[in-house]
Amino acid sequence: MPVSVRLDNKTEELLEKAARLAKTTKSAMVKKSIEEYCVPIVKEKKLDMSELIRELIKDHPGSGRGDLASRSEEILRERFKRKR
């Protein structure tokens, strides 16, 4: 499942360096890091993954629009038309 994450420069540089030193990809490094961070939390709180995600993002509400994924192509086309 694709996930998009924005990193500050310092974190991105750290990720790139760690992946290079471990001779792996940034994606593999992120997956491993998430697993190592999340598994103990899930075990401790006995939450399923969807509950864990809700808990982690509760203070970051997002756009409030539930149609962004399903209408992404349409929304991008509208925005590109407005830029012209």
PDB file of N, CA and C in Angstrom:
ATOM      1  N   MET A   1       0.850  -1.167   0.000  1.00  0.00           N
ATOM      2  CA  MET A   1       0.000   0.000   0.000  1.00  0.00           C
ATOM      3  C   MET A   1       0.899   1.234   0.000  1.00  0.00           C
ATOM      4  N   PRO A   2       0.733   2.135  -0.946  1.00  0.00           N
ATOM      5  CA  PRO A   2       1.539   3.355  -0.991  1.00  0.00           C
ATOM      6  C   PRO A   2       1.171   4.305   0.150  1.00  0.00           C
ATOM      7  N   VAL A   3       2.199   4.889   0.732  1.00  0.00           N
ATOM      8  CA  VAL A   3       2.032   5.885   1.786  1.00  0.00           C
ATOM      9  C   VAL A   3       2.989   7.022   1.480  1.00  0.00           C
ATOM     10  N   SER A   4       2.527   8.231   1.643  1.00  0.00           N
ATOM     11  CA  SER A   4       3.366   9.394   1.396  1.00  0.00           C
ATOM     12  C   SER A   4       3.677  10.081   2.718  1.00  0.00           C
ATOM     13  N   VAL A   5       4.962  10.391   2.910  1.00  0.00           N
ATOM     14  CA  VAL A   5       5.398  11.030   4.148  1.00  0.00           C
ATOM     15  C   VAL A   5       6.320  12.190   3.795  1.00  0.00           C
ATOM     16  N   ARG A   6       6.125  13.313   4.438  1.00  0.00           N
ATOM     17  CA  ARG A   6       7.014  14.457   4.234  1.00  0.00           C
ATOM     18  C   ARG A   6       8.033  14.482   5.370  1.00  0.00           C
ATOM     19  N   LEU A   7       9.310  14.569   5.003  1.00  0.00           N
ATOM     20  CA  LEU A   7      10.386  14.599   5.986  1.00  0.00           C
ATOM     21  C   LEU A   7      11.122  15.920   5.896  1.00  0.00           C
ATOM     22  N   ASP A   8      11.582  16.401   7.043  1.00  0.00           N
ATOM     23  CA  ASP A   8      12.437  17.581   7.007  1.00  0.00           C
ATOM     24  C   ASP A   8      13.807  17.147   6.469  1.00  0.00           C
ATOM     25  N   ASN A   9      14.634  18.095   6.086  1.00  0.00           N
ATOM     26  CA  ASN A   9      15.923  17.785   5.461  1.00  0.00           C
ATOM     27  C   ASN A   9      16.812  16.916   6.352  1.00  0.00           C
ATOM     28  N   LYS A  10      16.870  17.239   7.630  1.00  0.00           N
ATOM     29  CA  LYS A  10      17.725  16.498   8.568  1.00  0.00           C
ATOM     30  C   LYS A  10      17.309  15.024   8.635  1.00  0.00           C
ATOM     31  N   THR A  11      16.010  14.768   8.727  1.00  0.00           N
ATOM     32  CA  THR A  11      15.508  13.398   8.811  1.00  0.00           C
ATOM     33  C   THR A  11      15.743  12.659   7.503  1.00  0.00           C
ATOM     34  N   GLU A  12      15.532  13.333   6.383  1.00  0.00           N
ATOM     35  CA  GLU A  12      15.754  12.696   5.087  1.00  0.00           C
ATOM     36  C   GLU A  12      17.220  12.325   4.902  1.00  0.00           C
ATOM     37  N   GLU A  13      18.119  13.225   5.289  1.00  0.00           N
ATOM     38  CA  GLU A  13      19.553  12.934   5.190  1.00  0.00           C
ATOM     39  C   GLU A  13      19.931  11.743   6.071  1.00  0.00           C
ATOM     40  N   LEU A  14      19.371  11.690   7.275  1.00  0.00           N
ATOM     41  CA  LEU A  14      19.625  10.580   8.182  1.00  0.00           C
ATOM     42  C   LEU A  14      19.135   9.268   7.578  1.00  0.00           C
ATOM     43  N   LEU A  15      17.936   9.284   7.011  1.00  0.00           N
ATOM     44  CA  LEU A  15      17.369   8.093   6.380  1.00  0.00           C
ATOM     45  C   LEU A  15      18.245   7.623   5.222  1.00  0.00           C
ATOM     46  N   GLU A  16      18.650   8.551   4.363  1.00  0.00           N
ATOM     47  CA  GLU A  16      19.492   8.195   3.219  1.00  0.00           C
ATOM     48  C   GLU A  16      20.823   7.600   3.673  1.00  0.00           C
ATOM     49  N   LYS A  17      21.443   8.214   4.677  1.00  0.00           N
ATOM     50  CA  LYS A  17      22.732   7.737   5.177  1.00  0.00           C
ATOM     51  C   LYS A  17      22.584   6.339   5.796  1.00  0.00           C
ATOM     52  N   ALA A  18      21.563   6.155   6.617  1.00  0.00           N
ATOM     53  CA  ALA A  18      21.338   4.859   7.261  1.00  0.00           C
ATOM     54  C   ALA A  18      21.071   3.773   6.224  1.00  0.00           C
ATOM     55  N   ALA A  19      20.270   4.085   5.220  1.00  0.00           N
ATOM     56  CA  ALA A  19      19.967   3.104   4.169  1.00  0.00           C
ATOM     57  C   ALA A  19      21.234   2.746   3.395  1.00  0.00           C
ATOM     58  N   ARG A  20      22.035   3.742   3.097  1.00  0.00           N
ATOM     59  CA  ARG A  20      23.280   3.502   2.370  1.00  0.00           C
ATOM     60  C   ARG A  20      24.225   2.612   3.203  1.00  0.00           C
ATOM     61  N   LEU A  21      24.371   2.937   4.491  1.00  0.00           N
ATOM     62  CA  LEU A  21      25.251   2.154   5.367  1.00  0.00           C
ATOM     63  C   LEU A  21      24.742   0.724   5.560  1.00  0.00           C
ATOM     64  N   ALA A  22      23.428   0.560   5.606  1.00  0.00           N
ATOM     65  CA  ALA A  22      22.831  -0.769   5.770  1.00  0.00           C
ATOM     66  C   ALA A  22      22.727  -1.513   4.440  1.00  0.00           C
ATOM     67  N   LYS A  23      23.107  -0.829   3.357  1.00  0.00           N
ATOM     68  CA  LYS A  23      23.037  -1.397   1.999  1.00  0.00           C
ATOM     69  C   LYS A  23      21.627  -1.901   1.693  1.00  0.00           C
ATOM     70  N   THR A  24      20.684  -1.022   1.924  1.00  0.00           N
ATOM     71  CA  THR A  24      19.284  -1.332   1.651  1.00  0.00           C
ATOM     72  C   THR A  24      18.614  -0.083   1.098  1.00  0.00           C
ATOM     73  N   THR A  25      17.336  -0.172   0.818  1.00  0.00           N
ATOM     74  CA  THR A  25      16.601   0.974   0.284  1.00  0.00           C
ATOM     75  C   THR A  25      16.012   1.804   1.414  1.00  0.00           C
ATOM     76  N   LYS A  26      15.664   3.032   1.083  1.00  0.00           N
ATOM     77  CA  LYS A  26      14.995   3.884   2.073  1.00  0.00           C
ATOM     78  C   LYS A  26      13.656   3.277   2.467  1.00  0.00           C
ATOM     79  N   SER A  27      12.945   2.705   1.501  1.00  0.00           N
ATOM     80  CA  SER A  27      11.656   2.078   1.810  1.00  0.00           C
ATOM     81  C   SER A  27      11.820   0.942   2.810  1.00  0.00           C
ATOM     82  N   ALA A  28      12.827   0.109   2.596  1.00  0.00           N
ATOM     83  CA  ALA A  28      13.063  -1.003   3.519  1.00  0.00           C
ATOM     84  C   ALA A  28      13.424  -0.483   4.907  1.00  0.00           C
ATOM     85  N   MET A  29      14.196   0.591   4.944  1.00  0.00           N
ATOM     86  CA  MET A  29      14.596   1.178   6.220  1.00  0.00           C
ATOM     87  C   MET A  29      13.383   1.751   6.951  1.00  0.00           C
ATOM     88  N   VAL A  30      12.497   2.415   6.226  1.00  0.00           N
ATOM     89  CA  VAL A  30      11.283   2.974   6.832  1.00  0.00           C
ATOM     90  C   VAL A  30      10.386   1.854   7.347  1.00  0.00           C
ATOM     91  N   LYS A  31      10.194   0.814   6.549  1.00  0.00           N
ATOM     92  CA  LYS A  31       9.352  -0.314   6.980  1.00  0.00           C
ATOM     93  C   LYS A  31       9.884  -0.937   8.260  1.00  0.00           C
ATOM     94  N   LYS A  32      11.197  -1.179   8.292  1.00  0.00           N
ATOM     95  CA  LYS A  32      11.808  -1.790   9.475  1.00  0.00           C
ATOM     96  C   LYS A  32      11.676  -0.873  10.690  1.00  0.00           C
ATOM     97  N   SER A  33      11.897   0.410  10.489  1.00  0.00           N
ATOM     98  CA  SER A  33      11.802   1.382  11.588  1.00  0.00           C
ATOM     99  C   SER A  33      10.386   1.447  12.150  1.00  0.00           C
ATOM    100  N   ILE A  34       9.405   1.463  11.253  1.00  0.00           N
ATOM    101  CA  ILE A  34       8.006   1.497  11.692  1.00  0.00           C
ATOM    102  C   ILE A  34       7.677   0.238  12.470  1.00  0.00           C
ATOM    103  N   GLU A  35       8.116  -0.905  11.955  1.00  0.00           N
ATOM    104  CA  GLU A  35       7.855  -2.170  12.645  1.00  0.00           C
ATOM    105  C   GLU A  35       8.475  -2.161  14.039  1.00  0.00           C
ATOM    106  N   GLU A  36       9.733  -1.749  14.131  1.00  0.00           N
ATOM    107  CA  GLU A  36      10.420  -1.751  15.427  1.00  0.00           C
ATOM    108  C   GLU A  36       9.786  -0.763  16.405  1.00  0.00           C
ATOM    109  N   TYR A  37       9.251   0.327  15.900  1.00  0.00           N
ATOM    110  CA  TYR A  37       8.614   1.327  16.760  1.00  0.00           C
ATOM    111  C   TYR A  37       7.194   0.919  17.143  1.00  0.00           C
ATOM    112  N   CYS A  38       6.451   0.391  16.192  1.00  0.00           N
ATOM    113  CA  CYS A  38       5.023   0.149  16.394  1.00  0.00           C
ATOM    114  C   CYS A  38       4.696  -1.162  17.106  1.00  0.00           C
ATOM    115  N   VAL A  39       5.452  -2.213  16.849  1.00  0.00           N
ATOM    116  CA  VAL A  39       5.129  -3.511  17.443  1.00  0.00           C
ATOM    117  C   VAL A  39       5.064  -3.441  18.967  1.00  0.00           C
ATOM    118  N   PRO A  40       6.058  -2.833  19.646  1.00  0.00           N
ATOM    119  CA  PRO A  40       5.955  -2.750  21.111  1.00  0.00           C
ATOM    120  C   PRO A  40       4.736  -1.957  21.592  1.00  0.00           C
ATOM    121  N   ILE A  41       4.387  -0.918  20.864  1.00  0.00           N
ATOM    122  CA  ILE A  41       3.221  -0.113  21.235  1.00  0.00           C
ATOM    123  C   ILE A  41       1.956  -0.957  21.110  1.00  0.00           C
ATOM    124  N   VAL A  42       1.842  -1.667  20.008  1.00  0.00           N
ATOM    125  CA  VAL A  42       0.657  -2.498  19.776  1.00  0.00           C
ATOM    126  C   VAL A  42       0.563  -3.579  20.847  1.00  0.00           C
ATOM    127  N   LYS A  43       1.687  -4.210  21.151  1.00  0.00           N
ATOM    128  CA  LYS A  43       1.677  -5.254  22.177  1.00  0.00           C
ATOM    129  C   LYS A  43       1.310  -4.679  23.535  1.00  0.00           C
ATOM    130  N   GLU A  44       1.881  -3.528  23.846  1.00  0.00           N
ATOM    131  CA  GLU A  44       1.617  -2.896  25.139  1.00  0.00           C
ATOM    132  C   GLU A  44       0.163  -2.480  25.278  1.00  0.00           C
ATOM    133  N   LYS A  45      -0.350  -1.851  24.260  1.00  0.00           N
ATOM    134  CA  LYS A  45      -1.716  -1.330  24.331  1.00  0.00           C
ATOM    135  C   LYS A  45      -2.746  -2.299  23.777  1.00  0.00           C
ATOM    136  N   LYS A  46      -2.260  -3.382  23.174  1.00  0.00           N
ATOM    137  CA  LYS A  46      -3.134  -4.390  22.576  1.00  0.00           C
ATOM    138  C   LYS A  46      -4.138  -3.765  21.597  1.00  0.00           C
ATOM    139  N   LEU A  47      -3.632  -2.872  20.765  1.00  0.00           N
ATOM    140  CA  LEU A  47      -4.463  -2.224  19.758  1.00  0.00           C
ATOM    141  C   LEU A  47      -4.268  -2.930  18.425  1.00  0.00           C
ATOM    142  N   ASP A  48      -5.313  -2.936  17.605  1.00  0.00           N
ATOM    143  CA  ASP A  48      -5.082  -3.426  16.249  1.00  0.00           C
ATOM    144  C   ASP A  48      -4.483  -2.273  15.439  1.00  0.00           C
ATOM    145  N   MET A  49      -3.996  -2.560  14.240  1.00  0.00           N
ATOM    146  CA  MET A  49      -3.264  -1.571  13.465  1.00  0.00           C
ATOM    147  C   MET A  49      -4.093  -0.333  13.158  1.00  0.00           C
ATOM    148  N   SER A  50      -5.366  -0.475  12.844  1.00  0.00           N
ATOM    149  CA  SER A  50      -6.183   0.701  12.543  1.00  0.00           C
ATOM    150  C   SER A  50      -6.349   1.576  13.784  1.00  0.00           C
ATOM    151  N   GLU A  51      -6.471   0.959  14.947  1.00  0.00           N
ATOM    152  CA  GLU A  51      -6.562   1.740  16.190  1.00  0.00           C
ATOM    153  C   GLU A  51      -5.250   2.453  16.463  1.00  0.00           C
ATOM    154  N   LEU A  52      -4.124   1.793  16.186  1.00  0.00           N
ATOM    155  CA  LEU A  52      -2.821   2.408  16.376  1.00  0.00           C
ATOM    156  C   LEU A  52      -2.664   3.622  15.473  1.00  0.00           C
ATOM    157  N   ILE A  53      -3.034   3.481  14.218  1.00  0.00           N
ATOM    158  CA  ILE A  53      -2.921   4.598  13.274  1.00  0.00           C
ATOM    159  C   ILE A  53      -3.792   5.760  13.734  1.00  0.00           C
ATOM    160  N   ARG A  54      -5.022   5.478  14.122  1.00  0.00           N
ATOM    161  CA  ARG A  54      -5.905   6.539  14.626  1.00  0.00           C
ATOM    162  C   ARG A  54      -5.269   7.245  15.824  1.00  0.00           C
ATOM    163  N   GLU A  55      -4.679   6.489  16.708  1.00  0.00           N
ATOM    164  CA  GLU A  55      -4.043   7.050  17.898  1.00  0.00           C
ATOM    165  C   GLU A  55      -2.861   7.943  17.522  1.00  0.00           C
ATOM    166  N   LEU A  56      -2.054   7.486  16.560  1.00  0.00           N
ATOM    167  CA  LEU A  56      -0.867   8.244  16.171  1.00  0.00           C
ATOM    168  C   LEU A  56      -1.196   9.522  15.403  1.00  0.00           C
ATOM    169  N   ILE A  57      -2.308   9.536  14.655  1.00  0.00           N
ATOM    170  CA  ILE A  57      -2.616  10.715  13.834  1.00  0.00           C
ATOM    171  C   ILE A  57      -3.729  11.582  14.408  1.00  0.00           C
ATOM    172  N   LYS A  58      -4.191  11.288  15.603  1.00  0.00           N
ATOM    173  CA  LYS A  58      -5.341  12.015  16.148  1.00  0.00           C
ATOM    174  C   LYS A  58      -5.099  13.518  16.263  1.00  0.00           C
ATOM    175  N   ASP A  59      -3.861  13.942  16.454  1.00  0.00           N
ATOM    176  CA  ASP A  59      -3.556  15.365  16.577  1.00  0.00           C
ATOM    177  C   ASP A  59      -3.216  16.016  15.243  1.00  0.00           C
ATOM    178  N   HIS A  60      -3.337  15.260  14.147  1.00  0.00           N
ATOM    179  CA  HIS A  60      -3.043  15.762  12.806  1.00  0.00           C
ATOM    180  C   HIS A  60      -4.253  15.461  11.920  1.00  0.00           C
ATOM    181  N   PRO A  61      -5.261  16.319  11.947  1.00  0.00           N
ATOM    182  CA  PRO A  61      -6.541  15.991  11.325  1.00  0.00           C
ATOM    183  C   PRO A  61      -6.554  15.911   9.800  1.00  0.00           C
ATOM    184  N   GLY A  62      -5.587  16.475   9.117  1.00  0.00           N
ATOM    185  CA  GLY A  62      -5.598  16.416   7.658  1.00  0.00           C
ATOM    186  C   GLY A  62      -6.499  17.472   7.047  1.00  0.00           C
ATOM    187  N   SER A  63      -6.908  17.264   5.826  1.00  0.00           N
ATOM    188  CA  SER A  63      -7.647  18.267   5.067  1.00  0.00           C
ATOM    189  C   SER A  63      -9.130  18.312   5.407  1.00  0.00           C
ATOM    190  N   GLY A  64      -9.644  17.212   5.939  1.00  0.00           N
ATOM    191  CA  GLY A  64     -11.070  17.152   6.213  1.00  0.00           C
ATOM    192  C   GLY A  64     -11.895  16.722   5.014  1.00  0.00           C
ATOM    193  N   ARG A  65     -11.231  16.516   3.889  1.00  0.00           N
ATOM    194  CA  ARG A  65     -11.932  16.081   2.681  1.00  0.00           C
ATOM    195  C   ARG A  65     -11.727  14.589   2.501  1.00  0.00           C
ATOM    196  N   GLY A  66     -12.785  13.849   2.484  1.00  0.00           N
ATOM    197  CA  GLY A  66     -12.697  12.409   2.347  1.00  0.00           C
ATOM    198  C   GLY A  66     -12.628  11.913   0.920  1.00  0.00           C
ATOM    199  N   ASP A  67     -12.665  12.843  -0.044  1.00  0.00           N
ATOM    200  CA  ASP A  67     -12.715  12.426  -1.444  1.00  0.00           C
ATOM    201  C   ASP A  67     -11.399  12.629  -2.182  1.00  0.00           C
ATOM    202  N   LEU A  68     -10.340  12.995  -1.499  1.00  0.00           N
ATOM    203  CA  LEU A  68      -9.097  13.342  -2.194  1.00  0.00           C
ATOM    204  C   LEU A  68      -8.494  12.150  -2.941  1.00  0.00           C
ATOM    205  N   ALA A  69      -8.519  10.980  -2.360  1.00  0.00           N
ATOM    206  CA  ALA A  69      -7.936   9.820  -3.035  1.00  0.00           C
ATOM    207  C   ALA A  69      -8.787   9.400  -4.235  1.00  0.00           C
ATOM    208  N   SER A  70     -10.079   9.341  -4.063  1.00  0.00           N
ATOM    209  CA  SER A  70     -10.939   8.871  -5.150  1.00  0.00           C
ATOM    210  C   SER A  70     -11.068   9.896  -6.282  1.00  0.00           C
ATOM    211  N   ARG A  71     -10.872  11.182  -5.958  1.00  0.00           N
ATOM    212  CA  ARG A  71     -11.003  12.222  -6.981  1.00  0.00           C
ATOM    213  C   ARG A  71      -9.662  12.881  -7.315  1.00  0.00           C
ATOM    214  N   SER A  72      -8.543  12.234  -6.980  1.00  0.00           N
ATOM    215  CA  SER A  72      -7.230  12.869  -7.125  1.00  0.00           C
ATOM    216  C   SER A  72      -6.957  13.360  -8.548  1.00  0.00           C
ATOM    217  N   GLU A  73      -7.253  12.534  -9.541  1.00  0.00           N
ATOM    218  CA  GLU A  73      -6.982  12.926 -10.917  1.00  0.00           C
ATOM    219  C   GLU A  73      -7.821  14.146 -11.301  1.00  0.00           C
ATOM    220  N   GLU A  74      -9.088  14.125 -10.964  1.00  0.00           N
ATOM    221  CA  GLU A  74      -9.993  15.238 -11.273  1.00  0.00           C
ATOM    222  C   GLU A  74      -9.527  16.521 -10.577  1.00  0.00           C
ATOM    223  N   ILE A  75      -9.163  16.416  -9.308  1.00  0.00           N
ATOM    224  CA  ILE A  75      -8.719  17.577  -8.529  1.00  0.00           C
ATOM    225  C   ILE A  75      -7.441  18.159  -9.130  1.00  0.00           C
ATOM    226  N   LEU A  76      -6.478  17.300  -9.506  1.00  0.00           N
ATOM    227  CA  LEU A  76      -5.236  17.790 -10.119  1.00  0.00           C
ATOM    228  C   LEU A  76      -5.507  18.485 -11.444  1.00  0.00           C
ATOM    229  N   ARG A  77      -6.376  17.907 -12.261  1.00  0.00           N
ATOM    230  CA  ARG A  77      -6.706  18.545 -13.538  1.00  0.00           C
ATOM    231  C   ARG A  77      -7.297  19.942 -13.321  1.00  0.00           C
ATOM    232  N   GLU A  78      -8.203  20.066 -12.346  1.00  0.00           N
ATOM    233  CA  GLU A  78      -8.802  21.367 -12.043  1.00  0.00           C
ATOM    234  C   GLU A  78      -7.733  22.377 -11.624  1.00  0.00           C
ATOM    235  N   ARG A  79      -6.812  21.942 -10.791  1.00  0.00           N
ATOM    236  CA  ARG A  79      -5.760  22.845 -10.309  1.00  0.00           C
ATOM    237  C   ARG A  79      -4.808  23.252 -11.441  1.00  0.00           C
ATOM    238  N   PHE A  80      -4.478  22.320 -12.330  1.00  0.00           N
ATOM    239  CA  PHE A  80      -3.611  22.647 -13.450  1.00  0.00           C
ATOM    240  C   PHE A  80      -4.304  23.644 -14.383  1.00  0.00           C
ATOM    241  N   LYS A  81      -5.609  23.478 -14.601  1.00  0.00           N
ATOM    242  CA  LYS A  81      -6.353  24.412 -15.443  1.00  0.00           C
ATOM    243  C   LYS A  81      -6.339  25.809 -14.856  1.00  0.00           C
ATOM    244  N   ARG A  82      -6.479  25.907 -13.524  1.00  0.00           N
ATOM    245  CA  ARG A  82      -6.460  27.215 -12.867  1.00  0.00           C
ATOM    246  C   ARG A  82      -5.105  27.893 -12.975  1.00  0.00           C
ATOM    247  N   LYS A  83      -4.017  27.113 -13.019  1.00  0.00           N
ATOM    248  CA  LYS A  83      -2.671  27.692 -13.108  1.00  0.00           C
ATOM    249  C   LYS A  83      -2.392  28.292 -14.465  1.00  0.00           C
ATOM    250  N   ARG A  84      -3.039  27.789 -15.502  1.00  0.00           N
ATOM    251  CA  ARG A  84      -2.779  28.266 -16.868  1.00  0.00           C
ATOM    252  C   ARG A  84      -3.286  29.618 -17.070  1.00  0.00           C
TER     253      ARG A  84
END
